[in-house]
Amino acid sequence: MISFAPMASDKNVTALRGGPVLMPEPNQACIHYLRELLAKAESGEVVGFVCATLHGDGLSGHTIAGMIGPNTLLGAVEMAKADLIERMRDRDV
């Protein structure tokens, strides 16, 4: 299992190109929503999902789990993409 928790030895780490070394901290809003989503999955309300993730080191990833249809799921992904683009634009203004 990979742990992103900062360790005492991390204070001695120097970035290869001299930039800051990211020390991820838990995002409570993210944790809260994931717990709500897990409860919905455990109750059977959520039976599949597509998830894009942003990691503490600035990298991103994605996962697909459970049922992967019908086409409404693809529509929801497009709606999430449009919402994300809008929020990023608003942040950069």
PDB file of N, CA and C in Angstrom:
ATOM      1  N   MET A   1       0.838  -1.185   0.000  1.00  0.00           N
ATOM      2  CA  MET A   1       0.000   0.000   0.000  1.00  0.00           C
ATOM      3  C   MET A   1       0.879   1.243   0.000  1.00  0.00           C
ATOM      4  N   ILE A   2       0.546   2.185  -0.841  1.00  0.00           N
ATOM      5  CA  ILE A   2       1.299   3.427  -0.926  1.00  0.00           C
ATOM      6  C   ILE A   2       0.716   4.429   0.057  1.00  0.00           C
ATOM      7  N   SER A   3       1.575   5.081   0.795  1.00  0.00           N
ATOM      8  CA  SER A   3       1.137   6.103   1.735  1.00  0.00           C
ATOM      9  C   SER A   3       1.655   7.464   1.277  1.00  0.00           C
ATOM     10  N   PHE A   4       0.777   8.463   1.262  1.00  0.00           N
ATOM     11  CA  PHE A   4       1.177   9.812   0.924  1.00  0.00           C
ATOM     12  C   PHE A   4       1.321  10.667   2.168  1.00  0.00           C
ATOM     13  N   ALA A   5       1.268  10.031   3.331  1.00  0.00           N
ATOM     14  CA  ALA A   5       1.394  10.779   4.578  1.00  0.00           C
ATOM     15  C   ALA A   5       2.828  11.282   4.724  1.00  0.00           C
ATOM     16  N   PRO A   6       3.018  12.547   5.080  1.00  0.00           N
ATOM     17  CA  PRO A   6       4.366  13.073   5.270  1.00  0.00           C
ATOM     18  C   PRO A   6       5.079  12.334   6.384  1.00  0.00           C
ATOM     19  N   MET A   7       6.353  12.115   6.189  1.00  0.00           N
ATOM     20  CA  MET A   7       7.175  11.462   7.199  1.00  0.00           C
ATOM     21  C   MET A   7       8.175  12.486   7.725  1.00  0.00           C
ATOM     22  N   ALA A   8       8.722  12.243   8.918  1.00  0.00           N
ATOM     23  CA  ALA A   8       9.687  13.167   9.503  1.00  0.00           C
ATOM     24  C   ALA A   8      10.879  13.373   8.572  1.00  0.00           C
ATOM     25  N   SER A   9      11.290  12.323   7.867  1.00  0.00           N
ATOM     26  CA  SER A   9      12.445  12.424   6.969  1.00  0.00           C
ATOM     27  C   SER A   9      12.155  13.280   5.747  1.00  0.00           C
ATOM     28  N   ASP A  10      10.883  13.554   5.430  1.00  0.00           N
ATOM     29  CA  ASP A  10      10.537  14.364   4.267  1.00  0.00           C
ATOM     30  C   ASP A  10      11.061  15.795   4.386  1.00  0.00           C
ATOM     31  N   LYS A  11      11.305  16.265   5.598  1.00  0.00           N
ATOM     32  CA  LYS A  11      11.797  17.622   5.786  1.00  0.00           C
ATOM     33  C   LYS A  11      13.200  17.792   5.206  1.00  0.00           C
ATOM     34  N   ASN A  12      13.901  16.684   5.007  1.00  0.00           N
ATOM     35  CA  ASN A  12      15.254  16.730   4.483  1.00  0.00           C
ATOM     36  C   ASN A  12      15.300  16.514   2.974  1.00  0.00           C
ATOM     37  N   VAL A  13      14.147  16.425   2.315  1.00  0.00           N
ATOM     38  CA  VAL A  13      14.083  16.161   0.886  1.00  0.00           C
ATOM     39  C   VAL A  13      14.257  17.466   0.121  1.00  0.00           C
ATOM     40  N   THR A  14      15.090  17.424  -0.919  1.00  0.00           N
ATOM     41  CA  THR A  14      15.278  18.568  -1.800  1.00  0.00           C
ATOM     42  C   THR A  14      14.799  18.178  -3.186  1.00  0.00           C
ATOM     43  N   ALA A  15      13.983  19.017  -3.808  1.00  0.00           N
ATOM     44  CA  ALA A  15      13.489  18.743  -5.152  1.00  0.00           C
ATOM     45  C   ALA A  15      14.647  18.766  -6.136  1.00  0.00           C
ATOM     46  N   LEU A  16      14.584  17.910  -7.150  1.00  0.00           N
ATOM     47  CA  LEU A  16      15.654  17.813  -8.141  1.00  0.00           C
ATOM     48  C   LEU A  16      15.926  19.132  -8.849  1.00  0.00           C
ATOM     49  N   ARG A  17      14.881  19.880  -9.147  1.00  0.00           N
ATOM     50  CA  ARG A  17      15.059  21.143  -9.866  1.00  0.00           C
ATOM     51  C   ARG A  17      14.907  22.357  -8.948  1.00  0.00           C
ATOM     52  N   GLY A  18      15.012  22.138  -7.667  1.00  0.00           N
ATOM     53  CA  GLY A  18      15.002  23.248  -6.725  1.00  0.00           C
ATOM     54  C   GLY A  18      13.638  23.778  -6.334  1.00  0.00           C
ATOM     55  N   GLY A  19      12.558  23.210  -6.882  1.00  0.00           N
ATOM     56  CA  GLY A  19      11.210  23.656  -6.552  1.00  0.00           C
ATOM     57  C   GLY A  19      10.773  23.119  -5.205  1.00  0.00           C
ATOM     58  N   PRO A  20       9.594  23.526  -4.774  1.00  0.00           N
ATOM     59  CA  PRO A  20       9.098  23.041  -3.484  1.00  0.00           C
ATOM     60  C   PRO A  20       8.758  21.550  -3.540  1.00  0.00           C
ATOM     61  N   VAL A  21       8.922  20.890  -2.433  1.00  0.00           N
ATOM     62  CA  VAL A  21       8.525  19.490  -2.299  1.00  0.00           C
ATOM     63  C   VAL A  21       7.127  19.491  -1.701  1.00  0.00           C
ATOM     64  N   LEU A  22       6.172  18.958  -2.440  1.00  0.00           N
ATOM     65  CA  LEU A  22       4.787  18.972  -1.964  1.00  0.00           C
ATOM     66  C   LEU A  22       4.605  17.988  -0.833  1.00  0.00           C
ATOM     67  N   MET A  23       3.943  18.429   0.199  1.00  0.00           N
ATOM     68  CA  MET A  23       3.620  17.583   1.337  1.00  0.00           C
ATOM     69  C   MET A  23       2.102  17.568   1.436  1.00  0.00           C
ATOM     70  N   PRO A  24       1.461  16.578   0.811  1.00  0.00           N
ATOM     71  CA  PRO A  24      -0.003  16.552   0.762  1.00  0.00           C
ATOM     72  C   PRO A  24      -0.635  16.546   2.158  1.00  0.00           C
ATOM     73  N   GLU A  25      -1.744  17.263   2.250  1.00  0.00           N
ATOM     74  CA  GLU A  25      -2.532  17.261   3.479  1.00  0.00           C
ATOM     75  C   GLU A  25      -3.940  16.804   3.119  1.00  0.00           C
ATOM     76  N   PRO A  26      -4.598  16.082   4.011  1.00  0.00           N
ATOM     77  CA  PRO A  26      -5.956  15.627   3.737  1.00  0.00           C
ATOM     78  C   PRO A  26      -6.897  16.805   3.472  1.00  0.00           C
ATOM     79  N   ASN A  27      -7.756  16.658   2.480  1.00  0.00           N
ATOM     80  CA  ASN A  27      -8.759  17.658   2.152  1.00  0.00           C
ATOM     81  C   ASN A  27     -10.078  17.179   2.749  1.00  0.00           C
ATOM     82  N   GLN A  28     -10.528  17.849   3.785  1.00  0.00           N
ATOM     83  CA  GLN A  28     -11.699  17.387   4.528  1.00  0.00           C
ATOM     84  C   GLN A  28     -12.966  17.371   3.681  1.00  0.00           C
ATOM     85  N   ALA A  29     -13.125  18.335   2.772  1.00  0.00           N
ATOM     86  CA  ALA A  29     -14.307  18.341   1.906  1.00  0.00           C
ATOM     87  C   ALA A  29     -14.299  17.105   0.996  1.00  0.00           C
ATOM     88  N   CYS A  30     -13.132  16.747   0.490  1.00  0.00           N
ATOM     89  CA  CYS A  30     -12.997  15.569  -0.364  1.00  0.00           C
ATOM     90  C   CYS A  30     -13.321  14.298   0.429  1.00  0.00           C
ATOM     91  N   ILE A  31     -12.778  14.202   1.618  1.00  0.00           N
ATOM     92  CA  ILE A  31     -13.024  13.035   2.475  1.00  0.00           C
ATOM     93  C   ILE A  31     -14.506  12.903   2.789  1.00  0.00           C
ATOM     94  N   HIS A  32     -15.151  14.019   3.113  1.00  0.00           N
ATOM     95  CA  HIS A  32     -16.581  14.011   3.438  1.00  0.00           C
ATOM     96  C   HIS A  32     -17.399  13.484   2.259  1.00  0.00           C
ATOM     97  N   TYR A  33     -17.119  14.008   1.060  1.00  0.00           N
ATOM     98  CA  TYR A  33     -17.887  13.581  -0.110  1.00  0.00           C
ATOM     99  C   TYR A  33     -17.641  12.105  -0.427  1.00  0.00           C
ATOM    100  N   LEU A  34     -16.398  11.662  -0.312  1.00  0.00           N
ATOM    101  CA  LEU A  34     -16.102  10.254  -0.586  1.00  0.00           C
ATOM    102  C   LEU A  34     -16.818   9.337   0.402  1.00  0.00           C
ATOM    103  N   ARG A  35     -16.919   9.751   1.649  1.00  0.00           N
ATOM    104  CA  ARG A  35     -17.661   8.952   2.643  1.00  0.00           C
ATOM    105  C   ARG A  35     -19.148   8.895   2.290  1.00  0.00           C
ATOM    106  N   GLU A  36     -19.703  10.029   1.833  1.00  0.00           N
ATOM    107  CA  GLU A  36     -21.106  10.033   1.401  1.00  0.00           C
ATOM    108  C   GLU A  36     -21.297   9.102   0.204  1.00  0.00           C
ATOM    109  N   LEU A  37     -20.380   9.146  -0.750  1.00  0.00           N
ATOM    110  CA  LEU A  37     -20.455   8.289  -1.930  1.00  0.00           C
ATOM    111  C   LEU A  37     -20.338   6.821  -1.533  1.00  0.00           C
ATOM    112  N   LEU A  38     -19.455   6.509  -0.614  1.00  0.00           N
ATOM    113  CA  LEU A  38     -19.306   5.135  -0.135  1.00  0.00           C
ATOM    114  C   LEU A  38     -20.598   4.646   0.520  1.00  0.00           C
ATOM    115  N   ALA A  39     -21.234   5.484   1.322  1.00  0.00           N
ATOM    116  CA  ALA A  39     -22.501   5.101   1.964  1.00  0.00           C
ATOM    117  C   ALA A  39     -23.568   4.813   0.909  1.00  0.00           C
ATOM    118  N   LYS A  40     -23.597   5.618  -0.157  1.00  0.00           N
ATOM    119  CA  LYS A  40     -24.568   5.378  -1.235  1.00  0.00           C
ATOM    120  C   LYS A  40     -24.261   4.075  -1.960  1.00  0.00           C
ATOM    121  N   ALA A  41     -22.991   3.758  -2.140  1.00  0.00           N
ATOM    122  CA  ALA A  41     -22.614   2.494  -2.779  1.00  0.00           C
ATOM    123  C   ALA A  41     -22.983   1.314  -1.886  1.00  0.00           C
ATOM    124  N   GLU A  42     -22.747   1.453  -0.594  1.00  0.00           N
ATOM    125  CA  GLU A  42     -23.070   0.368   0.341  1.00  0.00           C
ATOM    126  C   GLU A  42     -24.566   0.114   0.430  1.00  0.00           C
ATOM    127  N   SER A  43     -25.371   1.148   0.181  1.00  0.00           N
ATOM    128  CA  SER A  43     -26.826   0.980   0.223  1.00  0.00           C
ATOM    129  C   SER A  43     -27.386   0.498  -1.113  1.00  0.00           C
ATOM    130  N   GLY A  44     -26.543   0.485  -2.149  1.00  0.00           N
ATOM    131  CA  GLY A  44     -27.006   0.065  -3.466  1.00  0.00           C
ATOM    132  C   GLY A  44     -27.489   1.204  -4.337  1.00  0.00           C
ATOM    133  N   GLU A  45     -27.472   2.423  -3.804  1.00  0.00           N
ATOM    134  CA  GLU A  45     -27.921   3.575  -4.582  1.00  0.00           C
ATOM    135  C   GLU A  45     -26.949   3.887  -5.720  1.00  0.00           C
ATOM    136  N   VAL A  46     -25.649   3.743  -5.478  1.00  0.00           N
ATOM    137  CA  VAL A  46     -24.623   3.927  -6.506  1.00  0.00           C
ATOM    138  C   VAL A  46     -24.084   2.551  -6.870  1.00  0.00           C
ATOM    139  N   VAL A  47     -24.114   2.224  -8.165  1.00  0.00           N
ATOM    140  CA  VAL A  47     -23.679   0.890  -8.608  1.00  0.00           C
ATOM    141  C   VAL A  47     -22.503   0.951  -9.583  1.00  0.00           C
ATOM    142  N   GLY A  48     -22.050   2.146  -9.896  1.00  0.00           N
ATOM    143  CA  GLY A  48     -20.896   2.317 -10.766  1.00  0.00           C
ATOM    144  C   GLY A  48     -20.481   3.764 -10.767  1.00  0.00           C
ATOM    145  N   PHE A  49     -19.204   4.009 -11.074  1.00  0.00           N
ATOM    146  CA  PHE A  49     -18.768   5.401 -11.118  1.00  0.00           C
ATOM    147  C   PHE A  49     -17.501   5.549 -11.955  1.00  0.00           C
ATOM    148  N   VAL A  50     -17.320   6.778 -12.421  1.00  0.00           N
ATOM    149  CA  VAL A  50     -16.104   7.210 -13.091  1.00  0.00           C
ATOM    150  C   VAL A  50     -15.540   8.318 -12.232  1.00  0.00           C
ATOM    151  N   CYS A  51     -14.270   8.232 -11.928  1.00  0.00           N
ATOM    152  CA  CYS A  51     -13.688   9.191 -10.998  1.00  0.00           C
ATOM    153  C   CYS A  51     -12.363   9.712 -11.535  1.00  0.00           C
ATOM    154  N   ALA A  52     -12.216  11.023 -11.596  1.00  0.00           N
ATOM    155  CA  ALA A  52     -10.934  11.652 -11.898  1.00  0.00           C
ATOM    156  C   ALA A  52     -10.367  12.145 -10.574  1.00  0.00           C
ATOM    157  N   THR A  53      -9.081  11.936 -10.373  1.00  0.00           N
ATOM    158  CA  THR A  53      -8.469  12.307  -9.104  1.00  0.00           C
ATOM    159  C   THR A  53      -7.317  13.277  -9.311  1.00  0.00           C
ATOM    160  N   LEU A  54      -7.134  14.171  -8.359  1.00  0.00           N
ATOM    161  CA  LEU A  54      -5.986  15.059  -8.321  1.00  0.00           C
ATOM    162  C   LEU A  54      -5.198  14.690  -7.077  1.00  0.00           C
ATOM    163  N   HIS A  55      -3.954  14.337  -7.262  1.00  0.00           N
ATOM    164  CA  HIS A  55      -3.112  13.879  -6.157  1.00  0.00           C
ATOM    165  C   HIS A  55      -2.334  15.050  -5.560  1.00  0.00           C
ATOM    166  N   GLY A  56      -1.858  14.858  -4.355  1.00  0.00           N
ATOM    167  CA  GLY A  56      -1.138  15.904  -3.646  1.00  0.00           C
ATOM    168  C   GLY A  56       0.119  16.375  -4.345  1.00  0.00           C
ATOM    169  N   ASP A  57       0.678  15.558  -5.241  1.00  0.00           N
ATOM    170  CA  ASP A  57       1.888  15.946  -5.962  1.00  0.00           C
ATOM    171  C   ASP A  57       1.576  16.644  -7.285  1.00  0.00           C
ATOM    172  N   GLY A  58       0.268  16.923  -7.520  1.00  0.00           N
ATOM    173  CA  GLY A  58      -0.138  17.626  -8.726  1.00  0.00           C
ATOM    174  C   GLY A  58      -0.462  16.722  -9.901  1.00  0.00           C
ATOM    175  N   LEU A  59      -0.181  15.428  -9.782  1.00  0.00           N
ATOM    176  CA  LEU A  59      -0.526  14.495 -10.847  1.00  0.00           C
ATOM    177  C   LEU A  59      -2.007  14.142 -10.749  1.00  0.00           C
ATOM    178  N   SER A  60      -2.553  13.621 -11.822  1.00  0.00           N
ATOM    179  CA  SER A  60      -3.961  13.229 -11.814  1.00  0.00           C
ATOM    180  C   SER A  60      -4.095  11.813 -12.327  1.00  0.00           C
ATOM    181  N   GLY A  61      -5.252  11.232 -12.067  1.00  0.00           N
ATOM    182  CA  GLY A  61      -5.534   9.878 -12.518  1.00  0.00           C
ATOM    183  C   GLY A  61      -7.033   9.699 -12.662  1.00  0.00           C
ATOM    184  N   HIS A  62      -7.421   8.507 -13.032  1.00  0.00           N
ATOM    185  CA  HIS A  62      -8.851   8.207 -13.131  1.00  0.00           C
ATOM    186  C   HIS A  62      -9.083   6.728 -12.870  1.00  0.00           C
ATOM    187  N   THR A  63     -10.329   6.422 -12.564  1.00  0.00           N
ATOM    188  CA  THR A  63     -10.723   5.036 -12.373  1.00  0.00           C
ATOM    189  C   THR A  63     -12.173   4.876 -12.799  1.00  0.00           C
ATOM    190  N   ILE A  64     -12.504   3.678 -13.224  1.00  0.00           N
ATOM    191  CA  ILE A  64     -13.879   3.316 -13.565  1.00  0.00           C
ATOM    192  C   ILE A  64     -14.176   2.042 -12.798  1.00  0.00           C
ATOM    193  N   ALA A  65     -15.292   2.023 -12.091  1.00  0.00           N
ATOM    194  CA  ALA A  65     -15.603   0.848 -11.286  1.00  0.00           C
ATOM    195  C   ALA A  65     -17.094   0.555 -11.327  1.00  0.00           C
ATOM    196  N   GLY A  66     -17.433  -0.705 -11.166  1.00  0.00           N
ATOM    197  CA  GLY A  66     -18.831  -1.112 -11.141  1.00  0.00           C
ATOM    198  C   GLY A  66     -19.427  -1.161 -12.531  1.00  0.00           C
ATOM    199  N   MET A  67     -20.727  -0.930 -12.598  1.00  0.00           N
ATOM    200  CA  MET A  67     -21.422  -0.939 -13.886  1.00  0.00           C
ATOM    201  C   MET A  67     -20.937   0.229 -14.738  1.00  0.00           C
ATOM    202  N   ILE A  68     -20.794  -0.006 -16.039  1.00  0.00           N
ATOM    203  CA  ILE A  68     -20.268   1.039 -16.915  1.00  0.00           C
ATOM    204  C   ILE A  68     -21.267   1.429 -17.996  1.00  0.00           C
ATOM    205  N   GLY A  69     -22.472   1.593 -17.648  1.00  0.00           N
ATOM    206  CA  GLY A  69     -23.487   2.011 -18.595  1.00  0.00           C
ATOM    207  C   GLY A  69     -24.685   2.444 -17.802  1.00  0.00           C
ATOM    208  N   PRO A  70     -25.672   2.886 -18.382  1.00  0.00           N
ATOM    209  CA  PRO A  70     -25.943   3.148 -19.793  1.00  0.00           C
ATOM    210  C   PRO A  70     -25.306   4.461 -20.230  1.00  0.00           C
ATOM    211  N   ASN A  71     -25.754   4.974 -21.357  1.00  0.00           N
ATOM    212  CA  ASN A  71     -25.182   6.199 -21.899  1.00  0.00           C
ATOM    213  C   ASN A  71     -25.354   7.403 -20.988  1.00  0.00           C
ATOM    214  N   THR A  72     -26.270   7.348 -20.044  1.00  0.00           N
ATOM    215  CA  THR A  72     -26.437   8.480 -19.121  1.00  0.00           C
ATOM    216  C   THR A  72     -25.170   8.709 -18.305  1.00  0.00           C
ATOM    217  N   LEU A  73     -24.399   7.657 -18.044  1.00  0.00           N
ATOM    218  CA  LEU A  73     -23.147   7.814 -17.314  1.00  0.00           C
ATOM    219  C   LEU A  73     -22.164   8.635 -18.137  1.00  0.00           C
ATOM    220  N   LEU A  74     -22.101   8.387 -19.429  1.00  0.00           N
ATOM    221  CA  LEU A  74     -21.235   9.161 -20.309  1.00  0.00           C
ATOM    222  C   LEU A  74     -21.684  10.627 -20.340  1.00  0.00           C
ATOM    223  N   GLY A  75     -22.984  10.862 -20.348  1.00  0.00           N
ATOM    224  CA  GLY A  75     -23.505  12.221 -20.292  1.00  0.00           C
ATOM    225  C   GLY A  75     -23.106  12.915 -19.003  1.00  0.00           C
ATOM    226  N   ALA A  76     -23.141  12.187 -17.896  1.00  0.00           N
ATOM    227  CA  ALA A  76     -22.748  12.765 -16.611  1.00  0.00           C
ATOM    228  C   ALA A  76     -21.265  13.118 -16.609  1.00  0.00           C
ATOM    229  N   VAL A  77     -20.439  12.306 -17.262  1.00  0.00           N
ATOM    230  CA  VAL A  77     -19.015  12.612 -17.369  1.00  0.00           C
ATOM    231  C   VAL A  77     -18.819  13.911 -18.146  1.00  0.00           C
ATOM    232  N   GLU A  78     -19.556  14.089 -19.236  1.00  0.00           N
ATOM    233  CA  GLU A  78     -19.456  15.318 -20.029  1.00  0.00           C
ATOM    234  C   GLU A  78     -19.929  16.525 -19.229  1.00  0.00           C
ATOM    235  N   MET A  79     -20.976  16.362 -18.435  1.00  0.00           N
ATOM    236  CA  MET A  79     -21.463  17.455 -17.591  1.00  0.00           C
ATOM    237  C   MET A  79     -20.411  17.818 -16.541  1.00  0.00           C
ATOM    238  N   ALA A  80     -19.771  16.806 -15.955  1.00  0.00           N
ATOM    239  CA  ALA A  80     -18.720  17.063 -14.972  1.00  0.00           C
ATOM    240  C   ALA A  80     -17.542  17.777 -15.622  1.00  0.00           C
ATOM    241  N   LYS A  81     -17.194  17.370 -16.836  1.00  0.00           N
ATOM    242  CA  LYS A  81     -16.098  18.018 -17.563  1.00  0.00           C
ATOM    243  C   LYS A  81     -16.406  19.494 -17.798  1.00  0.00           C
ATOM    244  N   ALA A  82     -17.611  19.802 -18.251  1.00  0.00           N
ATOM    245  CA  ALA A  82     -18.005  21.189 -18.500  1.00  0.00           C
ATOM    246  C   ALA A  82     -17.987  21.995 -17.197  1.00  0.00           C
ATOM    247  N   ASP A  83     -18.465  21.392 -16.110  1.00  0.00           N
ATOM    248  CA  ASP A  83     -18.476  22.069 -14.809  1.00  0.00           C
ATOM    249  C   ASP A  83     -17.051  22.348 -14.350  1.00  0.00           C
ATOM    250  N   LEU A  84     -16.156  21.381 -14.517  1.00  0.00           N
ATOM    251  CA  LEU A  84     -14.763  21.556 -14.116  1.00  0.00           C
ATOM    252  C   LEU A  84     -14.100  22.675 -14.912  1.00  0.00           C
ATOM    253  N   ILE A  85     -14.330  22.705 -16.218  1.00  0.00           N
ATOM    254  CA  ILE A  85     -13.758  23.760 -17.061  1.00  0.00           C
ATOM    255  C   ILE A  85     -14.249  25.135 -16.600  1.00  0.00           C
ATOM    256  N   GLU A  86     -15.533  25.239 -16.307  1.00  0.00           N
ATOM    257  CA  GLU A  86     -16.094  26.519 -15.836  1.00  0.00           C
ATOM    258  C   GLU A  86     -15.485  26.946 -14.507  1.00  0.00           C
ATOM    259  N   ARG A  87     -15.348  25.998 -13.591  1.00  0.00           N
ATOM    260  CA  ARG A  87     -14.757  26.343 -12.280  1.00  0.00           C
ATOM    261  C   ARG A  87     -13.305  26.755 -12.418  1.00  0.00           C
ATOM    262  N   MET A  88     -12.571  26.102 -13.318  1.00  0.00           N
ATOM    263  CA  MET A  88     -11.171  26.457 -13.531  1.00  0.00           C
ATOM    264  C   MET A  88     -11.051  27.848 -14.148  1.00  0.00           C
ATOM    265  N   ARG A  89     -11.949  28.174 -15.057  1.00  0.00           N
ATOM    266  CA  ARG A  89     -11.962  29.516 -15.659  1.00  0.00           C
ATOM    267  C   ARG A  89     -12.273  30.576 -14.610  1.00  0.00           C
ATOM    268  N   ASP A  90     -13.265  30.304 -13.779  1.00  0.00           N
ATOM    269  CA  ASP A  90     -13.632  31.252 -12.716  1.00  0.00           C
ATOM    270  C   ASP A  90     -12.469  31.466 -11.733  1.00  0.00           C
ATOM    271  N   ARG A  91     -11.736  30.406 -11.458  1.00  0.00           N
ATOM    272  CA  ARG A  91     -10.606  30.496 -10.525  1.00  0.00           C
ATOM    273  C   ARG A  91      -9.481  31.334 -11.109  1.00  0.00           C
ATOM    274  N   ASP A  92      -9.282  31.239 -12.416  1.00  0.00           N
ATOM    275  CA  ASP A  92      -8.172  31.924 -13.076  1.00  0.00           C
ATOM    276  C   ASP A  92      -8.469  33.376 -13.430  1.00  0.00           C
ATOM    277  N   VAL A  93      -9.717  33.815 -13.227  1.00  0.00           N
ATOM    278  CA  VAL A  93     -10.088  35.192 -13.589  1.00  0.00           C
ATOM    279  C   VAL A  93      -9.585  36.167 -12.573  1.00  0.00           C
TER     280      VAL A  93
END
